[in-house]
Amino acid sequence: LRAVIAARATERPPGSYTVDLLDHGPVKISQKVGEEAIEVVVAANAESPERLASEAADLLYHLLVLLEAKGVSADAVWDELERRAR
C-alpha cells in the first residue's frame, strides 16, 4: 500500500482518491485521519469484527497518505516503535 500511495503521488493519475487527498494537503488529510479514528472507536465498541477491520483499514490508509504528504516514511514510524521497545 505504501508503494501504491507513493506511486500515486508521483504519477498523479486522474480520478485517484489518493491524488485528491494529496492535493488538498495535510490539514484535510489530518481531518480524514481523525474521522477514521473515531469510526474505529465506534466499530470497536459497537460493531462487528468485520466492520472494525474495515474501519481500521481506512484509518491505516489515510495515515499512510498523511505520512506521504508530510514526507515521513513509514520506516521512520517503525524505527520509532522499535526504539520504544528497547
Protein backbone atom coordinates (compact mmCIF):
# COMPACT_ATOMS: atom_id res chain seq x y z
CA LEU A 1 0.00 0.00 0.00
CA ARG A 2 2.85 2.38 0.79
CA ALA A 3 4.27 1.80 -2.68
CA VAL A 4 0.89 2.42 -4.33
CA ILE A 5 0.44 5.68 -2.41
CA ALA A 6 3.97 6.81 -3.35
CA ALA A 7 3.31 5.94 -6.99
CA ARG A 8 0.05 7.91 -6.98
CA ALA A 9 1.90 10.89 -5.52
CA THR A 10 4.44 10.73 -8.33
CA GLU A 11 2.32 9.64 -11.28
CA ARG A 12 -0.78 11.68 -10.36
CA PRO A 13 -3.35 9.55 -12.25
CA PRO A 14 -6.61 11.39 -12.93
CA GLY A 15 -9.54 10.35 -10.76
CA SER A 16 -7.31 8.95 -8.00
CA TYR A 17 -8.68 9.44 -4.49
CA THR A 18 -5.13 9.43 -3.18
CA VAL A 19 -4.17 12.27 -5.53
CA ASP A 20 -7.28 14.19 -4.47
CA LEU A 21 -6.30 13.86 -0.81
CA LEU A 22 -2.72 14.89 -1.51
CA ASP A 23 -3.91 17.90 -3.50
CA HIS A 24 -5.96 19.07 -0.51
CA GLY A 25 -2.90 18.90 1.73
CA PRO A 26 -2.05 17.74 5.23
CA VAL A 27 -4.82 19.66 7.00
CA LYS A 28 -7.57 17.89 5.04
CA ILE A 29 -5.80 14.55 5.29
CA SER A 30 -5.44 15.02 9.05
CA GLN A 31 -9.17 15.63 9.30
CA LYS A 32 -9.79 12.36 7.47
CA VAL A 33 -7.42 10.55 9.84
CA GLY A 34 -9.40 11.95 12.78
CA GLU A 35 -12.73 10.92 11.25
CA GLU A 36 -11.46 7.43 10.57
CA ALA A 37 -10.05 7.11 14.10
CA ILE A 38 -13.48 7.93 15.52
CA GLU A 39 -15.05 5.33 13.24
CA VAL A 40 -12.54 2.75 14.52
CA VAL A 41 -13.52 3.52 18.10
CA VAL A 42 -17.23 3.21 17.31
CA ALA A 43 -16.69 -0.05 15.44
CA ALA A 44 -14.57 -1.46 18.26
CA ASN A 45 -17.27 -0.73 20.81
CA ALA A 46 -20.50 -1.34 18.95
CA GLU A 47 -20.00 -3.18 15.69
CA SER A 48 -18.82 -6.47 14.24
CA PRO A 49 -15.20 -7.58 13.96
CA GLU A 50 -15.54 -7.30 10.18
CA ARG A 51 -16.65 -3.68 10.49
CA LEU A 52 -13.73 -2.96 12.83
CA ALA A 53 -11.32 -4.47 10.29
CA SER A 54 -12.84 -2.31 7.54
CA GLU A 55 -12.59 0.87 9.58
CA ALA A 56 -9.04 0.02 10.70
CA ALA A 57 -8.07 -0.41 7.04
CA ASP A 58 -9.50 3.04 6.27
CA LEU A 59 -7.55 4.54 9.18
CA LEU A 60 -4.28 2.92 8.13
CA TYR A 61 -4.72 4.04 4.53
CA HIS A 62 -5.38 7.66 5.48
CA LEU A 63 -2.49 7.64 7.95
CA LEU A 64 -0.14 6.40 5.22
CA VAL A 65 -1.38 9.15 2.90
CA LEU A 66 -0.72 11.71 5.64
CA LEU A 67 2.80 10.39 6.15
CA GLU A 68 3.40 10.64 2.39
CA ALA A 69 2.07 14.20 2.33
CA LYS A 70 4.39 15.19 5.16
CA GLY A 71 7.42 13.37 3.75
CA VAL A 72 7.63 10.96 6.67
CA SER A 73 8.47 7.41 5.72
CA ALA A 74 6.59 4.52 7.28
CA ASP A 75 10.03 3.13 8.08
CA ALA A 76 10.59 6.14 10.36
CA VAL A 77 7.44 5.14 12.25
CA TRP A 78 8.61 1.52 12.55
CA ASP A 79 12.04 2.73 13.70
CA GLU A 80 10.39 4.83 16.41
CA LEU A 81 8.30 1.86 17.58
CA GLU A 82 11.42 -0.29 17.66
CA ARG A 83 13.29 2.37 19.66
CA ARG A 84 10.46 2.43 22.20
CA ALA A 85 10.53 -1.35 22.57
CA ARG A 86 14.12 -1.29 23.82
